[in-house]
Amino acid sequence: IGTYSQAVKVDHTVYLSGQIPLVPET
């Protein structure tokens, strides 16, 4: 919902962005 990615994978490490209780379909 902003200017960021859901996650970024760097080699074997994944940085998952903040998730809130949004229903993906709606």
mmCIF file of all heavy atoms, coordinates in Angstrom:
data_MODEL
# 
_entry.id   MODEL 
# 
loop_
_atom_site.group_PDB 
_atom_site.id 
_atom_site.type_symbol 
_atom_site.label_atom_id 
_atom_site.label_alt_id 
_atom_site.label_comp_id 
_atom_site.label_asym_id 
_atom_site.label_entity_id 
_atom_site.label_seq_id 
_atom_site.pdbx_PDB_ins_code 
_atom_site.Cartn_x 
_atom_site.Cartn_y 
_atom_site.Cartn_z 
_atom_site.occupancy 
_atom_site.B_iso_or_equiv 
_atom_site.pdbx_formal_charge 
_atom_site.auth_seq_id 
_atom_site.auth_comp_id 
_atom_site.auth_asym_id 
_atom_site.auth_atom_id 
_atom_site.pdbx_PDB_model_num 
ATOM 1   N N   . ILE A 1 1  ? 0.828   -1.208  0.000  1.00 0.00 ? 1  ILE A N   1 
ATOM 2   C CA  . ILE A 1 1  ? 0.000   0.000   0.000  1.00 0.00 ? 1  ILE A CA  1 
ATOM 3   C C   . ILE A 1 1  ? 0.862   1.258   0.000  1.00 0.00 ? 1  ILE A C   1 
ATOM 4   O O   . ILE A 1 1  ? 0.359   2.349   0.189  1.00 0.00 ? 1  ILE A O   1 
ATOM 5   C CB  . ILE A 1 1  ? -0.993  0.012   1.185  1.00 0.00 ? 1  ILE A CB  1 
ATOM 6   C CG1 . ILE A 1 1  ? -0.273  -0.108  2.526  1.00 0.00 ? 1  ILE A CG1 1 
ATOM 7   C CG2 . ILE A 1 1  ? -2.029  -1.100  1.032  1.00 0.00 ? 1  ILE A CG2 1 
ATOM 8   C CD1 . ILE A 1 1  ? -1.162  0.044   3.741  1.00 0.00 ? 1  ILE A CD1 1 
ATOM 9   N N   . GLY A 1 2  ? 2.144   1.072   -0.220 1.00 0.00 ? 2  GLY A N   1 
ATOM 10  C CA  . GLY A 1 2  ? 3.071   2.189   -0.280 1.00 0.00 ? 2  GLY A CA  1 
ATOM 11  C C   . GLY A 1 2  ? 4.153   1.887   -1.293 1.00 0.00 ? 2  GLY A C   1 
ATOM 12  O O   . GLY A 1 2  ? 4.028   0.973   -2.108 1.00 0.00 ? 2  GLY A O   1 
ATOM 13  N N   . THR A 1 3  ? 5.223   2.630   -1.220 1.00 0.00 ? 3  THR A N   1 
ATOM 14  C CA  . THR A 1 3  ? 6.323   2.456   -2.168 1.00 0.00 ? 3  THR A CA  1 
ATOM 15  C C   . THR A 1 3  ? 7.359   1.488   -1.608 1.00 0.00 ? 3  THR A C   1 
ATOM 16  O O   . THR A 1 3  ? 8.452   1.881   -1.213 1.00 0.00 ? 3  THR A O   1 
ATOM 17  C CB  . THR A 1 3  ? 6.974   3.815   -2.484 1.00 0.00 ? 3  THR A CB  1 
ATOM 18  O OG1 . THR A 1 3  ? 7.326   4.432   -1.237 1.00 0.00 ? 3  THR A OG1 1 
ATOM 19  C CG2 . THR A 1 3  ? 6.037   4.716   -3.245 1.00 0.00 ? 3  THR A CG2 1 
ATOM 20  N N   . TYR A 1 4  ? 6.975   0.221   -1.545 1.00 0.00 ? 4  TYR A N   1 
ATOM 21  C CA  . TYR A 1 4  ? 7.857   -0.827  -1.062 1.00 0.00 ? 4  TYR A CA  1 
ATOM 22  C C   . TYR A 1 4  ? 7.431   -2.154  -1.675 1.00 0.00 ? 4  TYR A C   1 
ATOM 23  O O   . TYR A 1 4  ? 6.367   -2.255  -2.273 1.00 0.00 ? 4  TYR A O   1 
ATOM 24  C CB  . TYR A 1 4  ? 7.833   -0.924  0.479  1.00 0.00 ? 4  TYR A CB  1 
ATOM 25  C CG  . TYR A 1 4  ? 6.456   -1.159  1.058  1.00 0.00 ? 4  TYR A CG  1 
ATOM 26  C CD1 . TYR A 1 4  ? 5.982   -2.453  1.241  1.00 0.00 ? 4  TYR A CD1 1 
ATOM 27  C CD2 . TYR A 1 4  ? 5.632   -0.093  1.404  1.00 0.00 ? 4  TYR A CD2 1 
ATOM 28  C CE1 . TYR A 1 4  ? 4.720   -2.688  1.753  1.00 0.00 ? 4  TYR A CE1 1 
ATOM 29  C CE2 . TYR A 1 4  ? 4.373   -0.316  1.918  1.00 0.00 ? 4  TYR A CE2 1 
ATOM 30  C CZ  . TYR A 1 4  ? 3.917   -1.609  2.098  1.00 0.00 ? 4  TYR A CZ  1 
ATOM 31  O OH  . TYR A 1 4  ? 2.664   -1.831  2.607  1.00 0.00 ? 4  TYR A OH  1 
ATOM 32  N N   . SER A 1 5  ? 8.243   -3.168  -1.515 1.00 0.00 ? 5  SER A N   1 
ATOM 33  C CA  . SER A 1 5  ? 7.944   -4.506  -2.013 1.00 0.00 ? 5  SER A CA  1 
ATOM 34  C C   . SER A 1 5  ? 7.407   -5.360  -0.875 1.00 0.00 ? 5  SER A C   1 
ATOM 35  O O   . SER A 1 5  ? 7.674   -5.091  0.296  1.00 0.00 ? 5  SER A O   1 
ATOM 36  C CB  . SER A 1 5  ? 9.220   -5.163  -2.552 1.00 0.00 ? 5  SER A CB  1 
ATOM 37  O OG  . SER A 1 5  ? 9.768   -4.388  -3.594 1.00 0.00 ? 5  SER A OG  1 
ATOM 38  N N   . GLN A 1 6  ? 6.701   -6.431  -1.225 1.00 0.00 ? 6  GLN A N   1 
ATOM 39  C CA  . GLN A 1 6  ? 6.226   -7.356  -0.189 1.00 0.00 ? 6  GLN A CA  1 
ATOM 40  C C   . GLN A 1 6  ? 7.414   -7.977  0.539  1.00 0.00 ? 6  GLN A C   1 
ATOM 41  O O   . GLN A 1 6  ? 7.356   -8.202  1.741  1.00 0.00 ? 6  GLN A O   1 
ATOM 42  C CB  . GLN A 1 6  ? 5.355   -8.454  -0.796 1.00 0.00 ? 6  GLN A CB  1 
ATOM 43  C CG  . GLN A 1 6  ? 4.007   -7.961  -1.282 1.00 0.00 ? 6  GLN A CG  1 
ATOM 44  C CD  . GLN A 1 6  ? 3.256   -9.042  -2.029 1.00 0.00 ? 6  GLN A CD  1 
ATOM 45  O OE1 . GLN A 1 6  ? 3.841   -9.858  -2.732 1.00 0.00 ? 6  GLN A OE1 1 
ATOM 46  N NE2 . GLN A 1 6  ? 1.941   -9.045  -1.879 1.00 0.00 ? 6  GLN A NE2 1 
ATOM 47  N N   . ALA A 1 7  ? 8.470   -8.242  -0.203 1.00 0.00 ? 7  ALA A N   1 
ATOM 48  C CA  . ALA A 1 7  ? 9.701   -8.765  0.401  1.00 0.00 ? 7  ALA A CA  1 
ATOM 49  C C   . ALA A 1 7  ? 10.851  -8.568  -0.574 1.00 0.00 ? 7  ALA A C   1 
ATOM 50  O O   . ALA A 1 7  ? 10.644  -8.404  -1.776 1.00 0.00 ? 7  ALA A O   1 
ATOM 51  C CB  . ALA A 1 7  ? 9.555   -10.247 0.739  1.00 0.00 ? 7  ALA A CB  1 
ATOM 52  N N   . VAL A 1 8  ? 12.051  -8.607  -0.020 1.00 0.00 ? 8  VAL A N   1 
ATOM 53  C CA  . VAL A 1 8  ? 13.268  -8.542  -0.828 1.00 0.00 ? 8  VAL A CA  1 
ATOM 54  C C   . VAL A 1 8  ? 14.161  -9.692  -0.370 1.00 0.00 ? 8  VAL A C   1 
ATOM 55  O O   . VAL A 1 8  ? 14.421  -9.849  0.829  1.00 0.00 ? 8  VAL A O   1 
ATOM 56  C CB  . VAL A 1 8  ? 14.001  -7.197  -0.655 1.00 0.00 ? 8  VAL A CB  1 
ATOM 57  C CG1 . VAL A 1 8  ? 15.302  -7.198  -1.438 1.00 0.00 ? 8  VAL A CG1 1 
ATOM 58  C CG2 . VAL A 1 8  ? 13.108  -6.040  -1.087 1.00 0.00 ? 8  VAL A CG2 1 
ATOM 59  N N   . LYS A 1 9  ? 14.603  -10.479 -1.335 1.00 0.00 ? 9  LYS A N   1 
ATOM 60  C CA  . LYS A 1 9  ? 15.480  -11.612 -1.057 1.00 0.00 ? 9  LYS A CA  1 
ATOM 61  C C   . LYS A 1 9  ? 16.895  -11.224 -1.466 1.00 0.00 ? 9  LYS A C   1 
ATOM 62  O O   . LYS A 1 9  ? 17.130  -10.821 -2.601 1.00 0.00 ? 9  LYS A O   1 
ATOM 63  C CB  . LYS A 1 9  ? 15.007  -12.827 -1.857 1.00 0.00 ? 9  LYS A CB  1 
ATOM 64  C CG  . LYS A 1 9  ? 15.778  -14.090 -1.630 1.00 0.00 ? 9  LYS A CG  1 
ATOM 65  C CD  . LYS A 1 9  ? 15.124  -15.223 -2.442 1.00 0.00 ? 9  LYS A CD  1 
ATOM 66  C CE  . LYS A 1 9  ? 15.847  -16.516 -2.308 1.00 0.00 ? 9  LYS A CE  1 
ATOM 67  N NZ  . LYS A 1 9  ? 15.206  -17.583 -3.111 1.00 0.00 ? 9  LYS A NZ  1 
ATOM 68  N N   . VAL A 1 10 ? 17.826  -11.322 -0.531 1.00 0.00 ? 10 VAL A N   1 
ATOM 69  C CA  . VAL A 1 10 ? 19.233  -11.050 -0.790 1.00 0.00 ? 10 VAL A CA  1 
ATOM 70  C C   . VAL A 1 10 ? 20.000  -12.314 -0.423 1.00 0.00 ? 10 VAL A C   1 
ATOM 71  O O   . VAL A 1 10 ? 20.083  -12.684 0.751  1.00 0.00 ? 10 VAL A O   1 
ATOM 72  C CB  . VAL A 1 10 ? 19.747  -9.844  0.028  1.00 0.00 ? 10 VAL A CB  1 
ATOM 73  C CG1 . VAL A 1 10 ? 21.225  -9.605  -0.239 1.00 0.00 ? 10 VAL A CG1 1 
ATOM 74  C CG2 . VAL A 1 10 ? 18.930  -8.599  -0.267 1.00 0.00 ? 10 VAL A CG2 1 
ATOM 75  N N   . ASP A 1 11 ? 20.483  -12.992 -1.451 1.00 0.00 ? 11 ASP A N   1 
ATOM 76  C CA  . ASP A 1 11 ? 21.131  -14.286 -1.269 1.00 0.00 ? 11 ASP A CA  1 
ATOM 77  C C   . ASP A 1 11 ? 20.179  -15.234 -0.527 1.00 0.00 ? 11 ASP A C   1 
ATOM 78  O O   . ASP A 1 11 ? 19.133  -15.549 -1.051 1.00 0.00 ? 11 ASP A O   1 
ATOM 79  C CB  . ASP A 1 11 ? 22.490  -14.140 -0.586 1.00 0.00 ? 11 ASP A CB  1 
ATOM 80  C CG  . ASP A 1 11 ? 23.465  -13.342 -1.456 1.00 0.00 ? 11 ASP A CG  1 
ATOM 81  O OD1 . ASP A 1 11 ? 23.403  -13.464 -2.693 1.00 0.00 ? 11 ASP A OD1 1 
ATOM 82  O OD2 . ASP A 1 11 ? 24.279  -12.598 -0.896 1.00 0.00 ? 11 ASP A OD2 1 
ATOM 83  N N   . HIS A 1 12 ? 20.487  -15.638 0.689  1.00 0.00 ? 12 HIS A N   1 
ATOM 84  C CA  . HIS A 1 12 ? 19.649  -16.593 1.421  1.00 0.00 ? 12 HIS A CA  1 
ATOM 85  C C   . HIS A 1 12 ? 18.799  -15.927 2.501  1.00 0.00 ? 12 HIS A C   1 
ATOM 86  O O   . HIS A 1 12 ? 18.161  -16.621 3.293  1.00 0.00 ? 12 HIS A O   1 
ATOM 87  C CB  . HIS A 1 12 ? 20.518  -17.682 2.043  1.00 0.00 ? 12 HIS A CB  1 
ATOM 88  C CG  . HIS A 1 12 ? 21.320  -18.425 1.028  1.00 0.00 ? 12 HIS A CG  1 
ATOM 89  N ND1 . HIS A 1 12 ? 20.751  -19.307 0.142  1.00 0.00 ? 12 HIS A ND1 1 
ATOM 90  C CD2 . HIS A 1 12 ? 22.629  -18.388 0.726  1.00 0.00 ? 12 HIS A CD2 1 
ATOM 91  C CE1 . HIS A 1 12 ? 21.682  -19.793 -0.647 1.00 0.00 ? 12 HIS A CE1 1 
ATOM 92  N NE2 . HIS A 1 12 ? 22.839  -19.244 -0.321 1.00 0.00 ? 12 HIS A NE2 1 
ATOM 93  N N   . THR A 1 13 ? 18.793  -14.605 2.536  1.00 0.00 ? 13 THR A N   1 
ATOM 94  C CA  . THR A 1 13 ? 18.025  -13.868 3.533  1.00 0.00 ? 13 THR A CA  1 
ATOM 95  C C   . THR A 1 13 ? 16.875  -13.138 2.854  1.00 0.00 ? 13 THR A C   1 
ATOM 96  O O   . THR A 1 13 ? 17.060  -12.516 1.809  1.00 0.00 ? 13 THR A O   1 
ATOM 97  C CB  . THR A 1 13 ? 18.923  -12.863 4.279  1.00 0.00 ? 13 THR A CB  1 
ATOM 98  O OG1 . THR A 1 13 ? 20.036  -13.581 4.834  1.00 0.00 ? 13 THR A OG1 1 
ATOM 99  C CG2 . THR A 1 13 ? 18.172  -12.168 5.389  1.00 0.00 ? 13 THR A CG2 1 
ATOM 100 N N   . VAL A 1 14 ? 15.695  -13.228 3.470  1.00 0.00 ? 14 VAL A N   1 
ATOM 101 C CA  . VAL A 1 14 ? 14.513  -12.560 2.929  1.00 0.00 ? 14 VAL A CA  1 
ATOM 102 C C   . VAL A 1 14 ? 13.997  -11.582 3.978  1.00 0.00 ? 14 VAL A C   1 
ATOM 103 O O   . VAL A 1 14 ? 13.799  -11.945 5.137  1.00 0.00 ? 14 VAL A O   1 
ATOM 104 C CB  . VAL A 1 14 ? 13.401  -13.569 2.565  1.00 0.00 ? 14 VAL A CB  1 
ATOM 105 C CG1 . VAL A 1 14 ? 12.206  -12.850 1.949  1.00 0.00 ? 14 VAL A CG1 1 
ATOM 106 C CG2 . VAL A 1 14 ? 13.935  -14.643 1.621  1.00 0.00 ? 14 VAL A CG2 1 
ATOM 107 N N   . TYR A 1 15 ? 13.787  -10.352 3.553  1.00 0.00 ? 15 TYR A N   1 
ATOM 108 C CA  . TYR A 1 15 ? 13.260  -9.300  4.422  1.00 0.00 ? 15 TYR A CA  1 
ATOM 109 C C   . TYR A 1 15 ? 11.798  -9.092  4.041  1.00 0.00 ? 15 TYR A C   1 
ATOM 110 O O   . TYR A 1 15 ? 11.505  -8.579  2.958  1.00 0.00 ? 15 TYR A O   1 
ATOM 111 C CB  . TYR A 1 15 ? 14.071  -8.015  4.244  1.00 0.00 ? 15 TYR A CB  1 
ATOM 112 C CG  . TYR A 1 15 ? 15.534  -8.230  4.572  1.00 0.00 ? 15 TYR A CG  1 
ATOM 113 C CD1 . TYR A 1 15 ? 16.442  -8.627  3.587  1.00 0.00 ? 15 TYR A CD1 1 
ATOM 114 C CD2 . TYR A 1 15 ? 15.994  -8.069  5.873  1.00 0.00 ? 15 TYR A CD2 1 
ATOM 115 C CE1 . TYR A 1 15 ? 17.771  -8.853  3.890  1.00 0.00 ? 15 TYR A CE1 1 
ATOM 116 C CE2 . TYR A 1 15 ? 17.333  -8.299  6.178  1.00 0.00 ? 15 TYR A CE2 1 
ATOM 117 C CZ  . TYR A 1 15 ? 18.208  -8.686  5.188  1.00 0.00 ? 15 TYR A CZ  1 
ATOM 118 O OH  . TYR A 1 15 ? 19.533  -8.911  5.489  1.00 0.00 ? 15 TYR A OH  1 
ATOM 119 N N   . LEU A 1 16 ? 10.889  -9.530  4.920  1.00 0.00 ? 16 LEU A N   1 
ATOM 120 C CA  . LEU A 1 16 ? 9.458   -9.433  4.658  1.00 0.00 ? 16 LEU A CA  1 
ATOM 121 C C   . LEU A 1 16 ? 8.935   -8.116  5.204  1.00 0.00 ? 16 LEU A C   1 
ATOM 122 O O   . LEU A 1 16 ? 9.112   -7.802  6.392  1.00 0.00 ? 16 LEU A O   1 
ATOM 123 C CB  . LEU A 1 16 ? 8.709   -10.595 5.313  1.00 0.00 ? 16 LEU A CB  1 
ATOM 124 C CG  . LEU A 1 16 ? 8.964   -11.978 4.713  1.00 0.00 ? 16 LEU A CG  1 
ATOM 125 C CD1 . LEU A 1 16 ? 10.205  -12.622 5.289  1.00 0.00 ? 16 LEU A CD1 1 
ATOM 126 C CD2 . LEU A 1 16 ? 7.773   -12.869 4.933  1.00 0.00 ? 16 LEU A CD2 1 
ATOM 127 N N   . SER A 1 17 ? 8.287   -7.346  4.346  1.00 0.00 ? 17 SER A N   1 
ATOM 128 C CA  . SER A 1 17 ? 7.723   -6.065  4.761  1.00 0.00 ? 17 SER A CA  1 
ATOM 129 C C   . SER A 1 17 ? 6.560   -6.285  5.714  1.00 0.00 ? 17 SER A C   1 
ATOM 130 O O   . SER A 1 17 ? 5.984   -7.368  5.787  1.00 0.00 ? 17 SER A O   1 
ATOM 131 C CB  . SER A 1 17 ? 7.243   -5.284  3.539  1.00 0.00 ? 17 SER A CB  1 
ATOM 132 O OG  . SER A 1 17 ? 8.338   -4.910  2.748  1.00 0.00 ? 17 SER A OG  1 
ATOM 133 N N   . GLY A 1 18 ? 6.206   -5.234  6.423  1.00 0.00 ? 18 GLY A N   1 
ATOM 134 C CA  . GLY A 1 18 ? 5.113   -5.304  7.378  1.00 0.00 ? 18 GLY A CA  1 
ATOM 135 C C   . GLY A 1 18 ? 3.806   -5.743  6.726  1.00 0.00 ? 18 GLY A C   1 
ATOM 136 O O   . GLY A 1 18 ? 3.475   -5.291  5.634  1.00 0.00 ? 18 GLY A O   1 
ATOM 137 N N   . GLN A 1 19 ? 3.119   -6.627  7.418  1.00 0.00 ? 19 GLN A N   1 
ATOM 138 C CA  . GLN A 1 19 ? 1.809   -7.098  6.973  1.00 0.00 ? 19 GLN A CA  1 
ATOM 139 C C   . GLN A 1 19 ? 0.773   -6.698  8.010  1.00 0.00 ? 19 GLN A C   1 
ATOM 140 O O   . GLN A 1 19 ? 1.014   -6.803  9.214  1.00 0.00 ? 19 GLN A O   1 
ATOM 141 C CB  . GLN A 1 19 ? 1.806   -8.621  6.801  1.00 0.00 ? 19 GLN A CB  1 
ATOM 142 C CG  . GLN A 1 19 ? 2.619   -9.105  5.633  1.00 0.00 ? 19 GLN A CG  1 
ATOM 143 C CD  . GLN A 1 19 ? 2.017   -8.704  4.295  1.00 0.00 ? 19 GLN A CD  1 
ATOM 144 O OE1 . GLN A 1 19 ? 0.797   -8.663  4.115  1.00 0.00 ? 19 GLN A OE1 1 
ATOM 145 N NE2 . GLN A 1 19 ? 2.874   -8.392  3.335  1.00 0.00 ? 19 GLN A NE2 1 
ATOM 146 N N   . ILE A 1 20 ? -0.351  -6.218  7.518  1.00 0.00 ? 20 ILE A N   1 
ATOM 147 C CA  . ILE A 1 20 ? -1.483  -5.887  8.375  1.00 0.00 ? 20 ILE A CA  1 
ATOM 148 C C   . ILE A 1 20 ? -2.636  -6.818  7.990  1.00 0.00 ? 20 ILE A C   1 
ATOM 149 O O   . ILE A 1 20 ? -2.533  -7.547  7.005  1.00 0.00 ? 20 ILE A O   1 
ATOM 150 C CB  . ILE A 1 20 ? -1.856  -4.388  8.260  1.00 0.00 ? 20 ILE A CB  1 
ATOM 151 C CG1 . ILE A 1 20 ? -2.236  -4.009  6.837  1.00 0.00 ? 20 ILE A CG1 1 
ATOM 152 C CG2 . ILE A 1 20 ? -0.700  -3.512  8.762  1.00 0.00 ? 20 ILE A CG2 1 
ATOM 153 C CD1 . ILE A 1 20 ? -2.718  -2.561  6.676  1.00 0.00 ? 20 ILE A CD1 1 
ATOM 154 N N   . PRO A 1 21 ? -3.736  -6.829  8.748  1.00 0.00 ? 21 PRO A N   1 
ATOM 155 C CA  . PRO A 1 21 ? -4.804  -7.792  8.481  1.00 0.00 ? 21 PRO A CA  1 
ATOM 156 C C   . PRO A 1 21 ? -5.680  -7.459  7.271  1.00 0.00 ? 21 PRO A C   1 
ATOM 157 O O   . PRO A 1 21 ? -6.908  -7.393  7.355  1.00 0.00 ? 21 PRO A O   1 
ATOM 158 C CB  . PRO A 1 21 ? -5.606  -7.822  9.783  1.00 0.00 ? 21 PRO A CB  1 
ATOM 159 C CG  . PRO A 1 21 ? -5.344  -6.519  10.424 1.00 0.00 ? 21 PRO A CG  1 
ATOM 160 C CD  . PRO A 1 21 ? -3.958  -6.118  10.013 1.00 0.00 ? 21 PRO A CD  1 
ATOM 161 N N   . LEU A 1 22 ? -5.036  -7.259  6.136  1.00 0.00 ? 22 LEU A N   1 
ATOM 162 C CA  . LEU A 1 22 ? -5.765  -7.021  4.885  1.00 0.00 ? 22 LEU A CA  1 
ATOM 163 C C   . LEU A 1 22 ? -6.059  -8.350  4.206  1.00 0.00 ? 22 LEU A C   1 
ATOM 164 O O   . LEU A 1 22 ? -5.207  -9.237  4.165  1.00 0.00 ? 22 LEU A O   1 
ATOM 165 C CB  . LEU A 1 22 ? -4.924  -6.178  3.926  1.00 0.00 ? 22 LEU A CB  1 
ATOM 166 C CG  . LEU A 1 22 ? -4.821  -4.682  4.181  1.00 0.00 ? 22 LEU A CG  1 
ATOM 167 C CD1 . LEU A 1 22 ? -3.808  -4.066  3.223  1.00 0.00 ? 22 LEU A CD1 1 
ATOM 168 C CD2 . LEU A 1 22 ? -6.171  -4.015  4.019  1.00 0.00 ? 22 LEU A CD2 1 
ATOM 169 N N   . VAL A 1 23 ? -7.254  -8.466  3.648  1.00 0.00 ? 23 VAL A N   1 
ATOM 170 C CA  . VAL A 1 23 ? -7.618  -9.625  2.839  1.00 0.00 ? 23 VAL A CA  1 
ATOM 171 C C   . VAL A 1 23 ? -7.088  -9.351  1.433  1.00 0.00 ? 23 VAL A C   1 
ATOM 172 O O   . VAL A 1 23 ? -7.445  -8.342  0.826  1.00 0.00 ? 23 VAL A O   1 
ATOM 173 C CB  . VAL A 1 23 ? -9.151  -9.821  2.820  1.00 0.00 ? 23 VAL A CB  1 
ATOM 174 C CG1 . VAL A 1 23 ? -9.541  -10.978 1.929  1.00 0.00 ? 23 VAL A CG1 1 
ATOM 175 C CG2 . VAL A 1 23 ? -9.674  -10.001 4.242  1.00 0.00 ? 23 VAL A CG2 1 
ATOM 176 N N   . PRO A 1 24 ? -6.218  -10.214 0.899  1.00 0.00 ? 24 PRO A N   1 
ATOM 177 C CA  . PRO A 1 24 ? -5.575  -9.927  -0.386 1.00 0.00 ? 24 PRO A CA  1 
ATOM 178 C C   . PRO A 1 24 ? -6.548  -9.689  -1.549 1.00 0.00 ? 24 PRO A C   1 
ATOM 179 O O   . PRO A 1 24 ? -6.326  -8.786  -2.353 1.00 0.00 ? 24 PRO A O   1 
ATOM 180 C CB  . PRO A 1 24 ? -4.731  -11.173 -0.658 1.00 0.00 ? 24 PRO A CB  1 
ATOM 181 C CG  . PRO A 1 24 ? -4.544  -11.814 0.650  1.00 0.00 ? 24 PRO A CG  1 
ATOM 182 C CD  . PRO A 1 24 ? -5.752  -11.476 1.474  1.00 0.00 ? 24 PRO A CD  1 
ATOM 183 N N   . GLU A 1 25 ? -7.613  -10.464 -1.602 1.00 0.00 ? 25 GLU A N   1 
ATOM 184 C CA  . GLU A 1 25 ? -8.542  -10.360 -2.737 1.00 0.00 ? 25 GLU A CA  1 
ATOM 185 C C   . GLU A 1 25 ? -9.317  -9.047  -2.755 1.00 0.00 ? 25 GLU A C   1 
ATOM 186 O O   . GLU A 1 25 ? -9.657  -8.532  -3.819 1.00 0.00 ? 25 GLU A O   1 
ATOM 187 C CB  . GLU A 1 25 ? -9.539  -11.535 -2.718 1.00 0.00 ? 25 GLU A CB  1 
ATOM 188 C CG  . GLU A 1 25 ? -8.897  -12.898 -2.858 1.00 0.00 ? 25 GLU A CG  1 
ATOM 189 C CD  . GLU A 1 25 ? -8.304  -13.443 -1.561 1.00 0.00 ? 25 GLU A CD  1 
ATOM 190 O OE1 . GLU A 1 25 ? -8.596  -12.913 -0.469 1.00 0.00 ? 25 GLU A OE1 1 
ATOM 191 O OE2 . GLU A 1 25 ? -7.518  -14.404 -1.654 1.00 0.00 ? 25 GLU A OE2 1 
ATOM 192 N N   . THR A 1 26 ? -9.612  -8.493  -1.582 1.00 0.00 ? 26 THR A N   1 
ATOM 193 C CA  . THR A 1 26 ? -10.444 -7.284  -1.511 1.00 0.00 ? 26 THR A CA  1 
ATOM 194 C C   . THR A 1 26 ? -9.681  -6.051  -1.053 1.00 0.00 ? 26 THR A C   1 
ATOM 195 O O   . THR A 1 26 ? -10.190 -4.934  -1.169 1.00 0.00 ? 26 THR A O   1 
ATOM 196 C CB  . THR A 1 26 ? -11.615 -7.511  -0.549 1.00 0.00 ? 26 THR A CB  1 
ATOM 197 O OG1 . THR A 1 26 ? -11.092 -7.759  0.775  1.00 0.00 ? 26 THR A OG1 1 
ATOM 198 C CG2 . THR A 1 26 ? -12.494 -8.669  -1.004 1.00 0.00 ? 26 THR A CG2 1 
# 
